[in-house]
Structure formats: C-alpha cells, structure tokens
Amino acid sequence: MLFDIVKKESFMELMRKHIQELLIYFFEQEQNFGILCKIEHLTFDPVLPEHISSEFRPMTLFFLAGYTFESARIYDDTLVFEAGFGNENIGSLVSVPLLSIMQIIVDETPVFVNLATIQEKVSNHEPEASHGVSDSMAAFLSNPENKKFIKKK
C-alpha cells in the first residue's frame, strides 16, 4: 500500500538521494530552479524579523537564481543558500533539509515531487494503542487548514 511505502526509512533515503542528485545536476548545468518546501524545517541565519517570517506559508517556494543560485551548496543532507528577504532585502543564510523539499520546479514546471513522509521518532515506552491516535492527529494537523479547528486555551 502506498501509505506504508512512503513512511519507510528506505523510501525516504531514496527520495533524499534523488533530490540531491537532481540539485547537483542543475548546479552542473547552471540551471536555475525553484524549491517548494516545508517552512517548519528551515533555519535562517541570522533569524529573520517577525514581520518577514510571519509572511511565510507552511509550504513556501524559493527560486534559486542569480546570487542565490551562485551561493547554493549541499552540505550533508541540507541545501544551503543566501537570500535577501522583504523590502529591506535582509540577508540570511537559509538551510533546507533535503527531505523538506516537496517539489523541484524548472521553468514553472514541477520536475520532481517528494512523496516521502518524514516520521518523528516515538519513544519505546508509549503504549501501542496510542500510536493510532497520535498518527491520526499528526495527519490532521499536517494540513494547515485544519489548525482552525483546534481549541485555544
């Protein structure tokens, strides 16, 4: 079943390798590209001001061209590049774990879609019956539109 396959560690590793190989290929071809990625997994150094970071959506598109493309490198399992943000063009070093890249786009066309589901490590002392509830809640909360249904205290 597809749902079971995309959660496997071996499938995640296959997706990570494919992402890395595609990015390296585009670097070698000097081909600009965009990445659609989960913003929750990214880091910015220095941290961006709130008025800029609050504008990011859960899935954010970054287009690597010009200086941003030239500064891009892959270190371990992370794509790193420099970019300017906001009207002030505030510079920051962006670190993107490869598995948080959900799509790679060239000329407005997706050339890669990442189907891997990143699983958080669960402690061994948690009862087996509670996995279904936590998996269900995680799936529910993974859709940003569902957050409006959560009660705030």
C-alpha atoms as a PDB file:
ATOM      1  CA  MET A   1       0.000   0.000   0.000  1.00  0.00           C
ATOM      2  CA  LEU A   2       1.392   3.425  -0.955  1.00  0.00           C
ATOM      3  CA  PHE A   3       0.782   4.911   2.502  1.00  0.00           C
ATOM      4  CA  ASP A   4       3.006   2.231   4.057  1.00  0.00           C
ATOM      5  CA  ILE A   5       5.740   2.603   1.425  1.00  0.00           C
ATOM      6  CA  VAL A   6       6.156   6.401   1.752  1.00  0.00           C
ATOM      7  CA  LYS A   7       6.712   6.078   5.517  1.00  0.00           C
ATOM      8  CA  LYS A   8       9.582   3.601   5.196  1.00  0.00           C
ATOM      9  CA  GLU A   9      13.112   4.705   6.027  1.00  0.00           C
ATOM     10  CA  SER A  10      14.405   3.128   2.797  1.00  0.00           C
ATOM     11  CA  PHE A  11      11.917   5.148   0.714  1.00  0.00           C
ATOM     12  CA  MET A  12      12.905   8.365   2.498  1.00  0.00           C
ATOM     13  CA  GLU A  13      16.563   7.631   1.718  1.00  0.00           C
ATOM     14  CA  LEU A  14      15.699   7.014  -1.942  1.00  0.00           C
ATOM     15  CA  MET A  15      13.872  10.369  -2.131  1.00  0.00           C
ATOM     16  CA  ARG A  16      16.739  12.176  -0.370  1.00  0.00           C
ATOM     17  CA  LYS A  17      19.282  10.752  -2.812  1.00  0.00           C
ATOM     18  CA  HIS A  18      17.115  11.659  -5.789  1.00  0.00           C
ATOM     19  CA  ILE A  19      16.691  15.229  -4.545  1.00  0.00           C
ATOM     20  CA  GLN A  20      20.440  15.559  -4.018  1.00  0.00           C
ATOM     21  CA  GLU A  21      21.274  14.130  -7.462  1.00  0.00           C
ATOM     22  CA  LEU A  22      18.785  16.444  -9.189  1.00  0.00           C
ATOM     23  CA  LEU A  23      20.110  19.517  -7.399  1.00  0.00           C
ATOM     24  CA  ILE A  24      23.708  18.624  -8.255  1.00  0.00           C
ATOM     25  CA  TYR A  25      22.679  18.075 -11.877  1.00  0.00           C
ATOM     26  CA  PHE A  26      21.024  21.518 -12.015  1.00  0.00           C
ATOM     27  CA  PHE A  27      24.103  23.128 -10.436  1.00  0.00           C
ATOM     28  CA  GLU A  28      26.324  21.466 -13.057  1.00  0.00           C
ATOM     29  CA  GLN A  29      24.002  22.575 -15.872  1.00  0.00           C
ATOM     30  CA  GLU A  30      23.792  26.097 -14.380  1.00  0.00           C
ATOM     31  CA  GLN A  31      20.010  25.692 -14.457  1.00  0.00           C
ATOM     32  CA  ASN A  32      18.033  27.950 -12.109  1.00  0.00           C
ATOM     33  CA  PHE A  33      15.248  26.191 -10.233  1.00  0.00           C
ATOM     34  CA  GLY A  34      12.656  26.621  -7.535  1.00  0.00           C
ATOM     35  CA  ILE A  35      12.047  24.526  -4.446  1.00  0.00           C
ATOM     36  CA  LEU A  36       8.715  24.215  -2.702  1.00  0.00           C
ATOM     37  CA  CYS A  37       9.464  23.239   0.865  1.00  0.00           C
ATOM     38  CA  LYS A  38       8.039  22.873   4.340  1.00  0.00           C
ATOM     39  CA  ILE A  39       8.958  26.112   6.111  1.00  0.00           C
ATOM     40  CA  GLU A  40       8.820  24.469   9.565  1.00  0.00           C
ATOM     41  CA  HIS A  41      12.033  22.536   8.842  1.00  0.00           C
ATOM     42  CA  LEU A  42      14.073  25.503   7.542  1.00  0.00           C
ATOM     43  CA  THR A  43      16.506  27.625   9.502  1.00  0.00           C
ATOM     44  CA  PHE A  44      17.587  31.192   8.785  1.00  0.00           C
ATOM     45  CA  ASP A  45      20.883  32.659   9.977  1.00  0.00           C
ATOM     46  CA  PRO A  46      20.502  35.337  11.098  1.00  0.00           C
ATOM     47  CA  VAL A  47      16.899  34.786  12.116  1.00  0.00           C
ATOM     48  CA  LEU A  48      14.523  36.903  10.050  1.00  0.00           C
ATOM     49  CA  PRO A  49      12.442  39.643  11.706  1.00  0.00           C
ATOM     50  CA  GLU A  50       8.901  38.653  12.660  1.00  0.00           C
ATOM     51  CA  HIS A  51       7.294  40.926  10.039  1.00  0.00           C
ATOM     52  CA  ILE A  52       9.057  38.890   7.340  1.00  0.00           C
ATOM     53  CA  SER A  53       8.942  35.356   8.791  1.00  0.00           C
ATOM     54  CA  SER A  54       5.234  35.666   9.614  1.00  0.00           C
ATOM     55  CA  GLU A  55       4.507  36.073   5.892  1.00  0.00           C
ATOM     56  CA  PHE A  56       5.825  32.600   5.031  1.00  0.00           C
ATOM     57  CA  ARG A  57       3.203  29.952   4.323  1.00  0.00           C
ATOM     58  CA  PRO A  58       3.620  26.367   5.578  1.00  0.00           C
ATOM     59  CA  MET A  59       4.721  25.427   2.046  1.00  0.00           C
ATOM     60  CA  THR A  60       6.964  28.170   0.632  1.00  0.00           C
ATOM     61  CA  LEU A  61       8.559  28.492  -2.786  1.00  0.00           C
ATOM     62  CA  PHE A  62      12.132  29.727  -3.104  1.00  0.00           C
ATOM     63  CA  PHE A  63      13.549  30.422  -6.556  1.00  0.00           C
ATOM     64  CA  LEU A  64      17.300  29.978  -6.828  1.00  0.00           C
ATOM     65  CA  ALA A  65      18.689  32.372  -9.433  1.00  0.00           C
ATOM     66  CA  GLY A  66      21.432  34.981  -9.594  1.00  0.00           C
ATOM     67  CA  TYR A  67      23.413  35.352  -6.388  1.00  0.00           C
ATOM     68  CA  THR A  68      21.103  32.965  -4.527  1.00  0.00           C
ATOM     69  CA  PHE A  69      21.872  30.235  -7.081  1.00  0.00           C
ATOM     70  CA  GLU A  70      25.598  31.025  -7.051  1.00  0.00           C
ATOM     71  CA  SER A  71      25.730  30.805  -3.239  1.00  0.00           C
ATOM     72  CA  ALA A  72      23.853  27.472  -3.062  1.00  0.00           C
ATOM     73  CA  ARG A  73      25.669  24.393  -1.783  1.00  0.00           C
ATOM     74  CA  ILE A  74      24.750  20.971  -0.423  1.00  0.00           C
ATOM     75  CA  TYR A  75      26.267  20.059   2.957  1.00  0.00           C
ATOM     76  CA  ASP A  76      25.440  16.618   4.315  1.00  0.00           C
ATOM     77  CA  ASP A  77      21.664  16.341   3.816  1.00  0.00           C
ATOM     78  CA  THR A  78      20.999  20.085   3.629  1.00  0.00           C
ATOM     79  CA  LEU A  79      20.725  22.639   0.821  1.00  0.00           C
ATOM     80  CA  VAL A  80      22.200  25.958   1.969  1.00  0.00           C
ATOM     81  CA  PHE A  81      21.915  29.287   0.146  1.00  0.00           C
ATOM     82  CA  GLU A  82      21.997  33.016   0.808  1.00  0.00           C
ATOM     83  CA  ALA A  83      18.942  35.105   0.028  1.00  0.00           C
ATOM     84  CA  GLY A  84      17.537  38.567   0.668  1.00  0.00           C
ATOM     85  CA  PHE A  85      14.064  38.977   2.175  1.00  0.00           C
ATOM     86  CA  GLY A  86      11.488  41.735   2.373  1.00  0.00           C
ATOM     87  CA  ASN A  87      11.606  45.285   1.061  1.00  0.00           C
ATOM     88  CA  GLU A  88      14.769  45.807   3.100  1.00  0.00           C
ATOM     89  CA  ASN A  89      16.444  42.852   1.305  1.00  0.00           C
ATOM     90  CA  ILE A  90      17.584  41.429   4.660  1.00  0.00           C
ATOM     91  CA  GLY A  91      20.231  38.800   4.006  1.00  0.00           C
ATOM     92  CA  SER A  92      20.059  35.399   5.616  1.00  0.00           C
ATOM     93  CA  LEU A  93      21.669  32.002   5.143  1.00  0.00           C
ATOM     94  CA  VAL A  94      18.834  29.535   4.521  1.00  0.00           C
ATOM     95  CA  SER A  95      19.309  25.860   5.456  1.00  0.00           C
ATOM     96  CA  VAL A  96      16.853  23.428   3.888  1.00  0.00           C
ATOM     97  CA  PRO A  97      16.936  19.741   4.864  1.00  0.00           C
ATOM     98  CA  LEU A  98      16.672  17.856   1.566  1.00  0.00           C
ATOM     99  CA  LEU A  99      13.634  15.835   2.659  1.00  0.00           C
ATOM    100  CA  SER A 100      11.723  19.045   3.410  1.00  0.00           C
ATOM    101  CA  ILE A 101      11.843  19.874  -0.322  1.00  0.00           C
ATOM    102  CA  MET A 102       8.457  18.766  -1.602  1.00  0.00           C
ATOM    103  CA  GLN A 103       8.879  19.856  -5.235  1.00  0.00           C
ATOM    104  CA  ILE A 104      11.664  20.986  -7.534  1.00  0.00           C
ATOM    105  CA  ILE A 105      10.470  23.312 -10.275  1.00  0.00           C
ATOM    106  CA  VAL A 106      12.136  24.394 -13.531  1.00  0.00           C
ATOM    107  CA  ASP A 107      10.517  26.977 -15.815  1.00  0.00           C
ATOM    108  CA  GLU A 108       7.257  26.802 -13.816  1.00  0.00           C
ATOM    109  CA  THR A 109       7.059  23.017 -14.292  1.00  0.00           C
ATOM    110  CA  PRO A 110       7.488  20.551 -11.411  1.00  0.00           C
ATOM    111  CA  VAL A 111      10.270  18.120 -12.367  1.00  0.00           C
ATOM    112  CA  PHE A 112      10.286  16.293  -9.038  1.00  0.00           C
ATOM    113  CA  VAL A 113       7.713  15.550  -6.342  1.00  0.00           C
ATOM    114  CA  ASN A 114       8.796  14.188  -2.961  1.00  0.00           C
ATOM    115  CA  LEU A 115       6.298  11.676  -1.581  1.00  0.00           C
ATOM    116  CA  ALA A 116       8.322  10.646   1.468  1.00  0.00           C
ATOM    117  CA  THR A 117       6.641  11.099   4.812  1.00  0.00           C
ATOM    118  CA  ILE A 118       9.081  12.202   7.499  1.00  0.00           C
ATOM    119  CA  GLN A 119       8.289  10.312  10.701  1.00  0.00           C
ATOM    120  CA  GLU A 120       9.163  11.682  14.118  1.00  0.00           C
ATOM    121  CA  LYS A 121      10.873   9.215  16.441  1.00  0.00           C
ATOM    122  CA  VAL A 122       8.443   7.793  19.008  1.00  0.00           C
ATOM    123  CA  SER A 123       9.682   6.728  22.431  1.00  0.00           C
ATOM    124  CA  ASN A 124       9.565   2.980  23.153  1.00  0.00           C
ATOM    125  CA  HIS A 125       7.587   3.287  26.386  1.00  0.00           C
ATOM    126  CA  GLU A 126       4.460   4.652  24.674  1.00  0.00           C
ATOM    127  CA  PRO A 127       1.622   2.084  24.620  1.00  0.00           C
ATOM    128  CA  GLU A 128       0.958   0.544  21.185  1.00  0.00           C
ATOM    129  CA  ALA A 129      -2.722   1.543  21.182  1.00  0.00           C
ATOM    130  CA  SER A 130      -1.916   5.255  21.357  1.00  0.00           C
ATOM    131  CA  HIS A 131       0.061   5.223  18.062  1.00  0.00           C
ATOM    132  CA  GLY A 132      -3.170   5.275  16.047  1.00  0.00           C
ATOM    133  CA  VAL A 133      -4.419   8.347  17.877  1.00  0.00           C
ATOM    134  CA  SER A 134      -1.125  10.223  17.541  1.00  0.00           C
ATOM    135  CA  ASP A 135      -0.755   9.223  13.865  1.00  0.00           C
ATOM    136  CA  SER A 136      -4.301  10.362  13.187  1.00  0.00           C
ATOM    137  CA  MET A 137      -3.753  13.690  14.970  1.00  0.00           C
ATOM    138  CA  ALA A 138      -0.443  14.232  13.150  1.00  0.00           C
ATOM    139  CA  ALA A 139      -2.150  13.622   9.812  1.00  0.00           C
ATOM    140  CA  PHE A 140      -4.953  16.000  10.787  1.00  0.00           C
ATOM    141  CA  LEU A 141      -2.531  18.742  11.899  1.00  0.00           C
ATOM    142  CA  SER A 142      -0.314  18.352   8.816  1.00  0.00           C
ATOM    143  CA  ASN A 143      -2.982  20.209   6.848  1.00  0.00           C
ATOM    144  CA  PRO A 144      -2.639  23.909   7.762  1.00  0.00           C
ATOM    145  CA  GLU A 145      -6.348  24.453   7.083  1.00  0.00           C
ATOM    146  CA  ASN A 146      -7.234  22.118   9.979  1.00  0.00           C
ATOM    147  CA  LYS A 147      -5.458  24.220  12.612  1.00  0.00           C
ATOM    148  CA  LYS A 148      -8.532  26.471  12.826  1.00  0.00           C
ATOM    149  CA  PHE A 149     -10.433  23.553  14.400  1.00  0.00           C
ATOM    150  CA  ILE A 150      -8.100  23.289  17.399  1.00  0.00           C
ATOM    151  CA  LYS A 151      -9.341  24.974  20.561  1.00  0.00           C
ATOM    152  CA  LYS A 152      -7.028  27.587  22.003  1.00  0.00           C
ATOM    153  CA  LYS A 153      -6.827  27.848  25.786  1.00  0.00           C
END
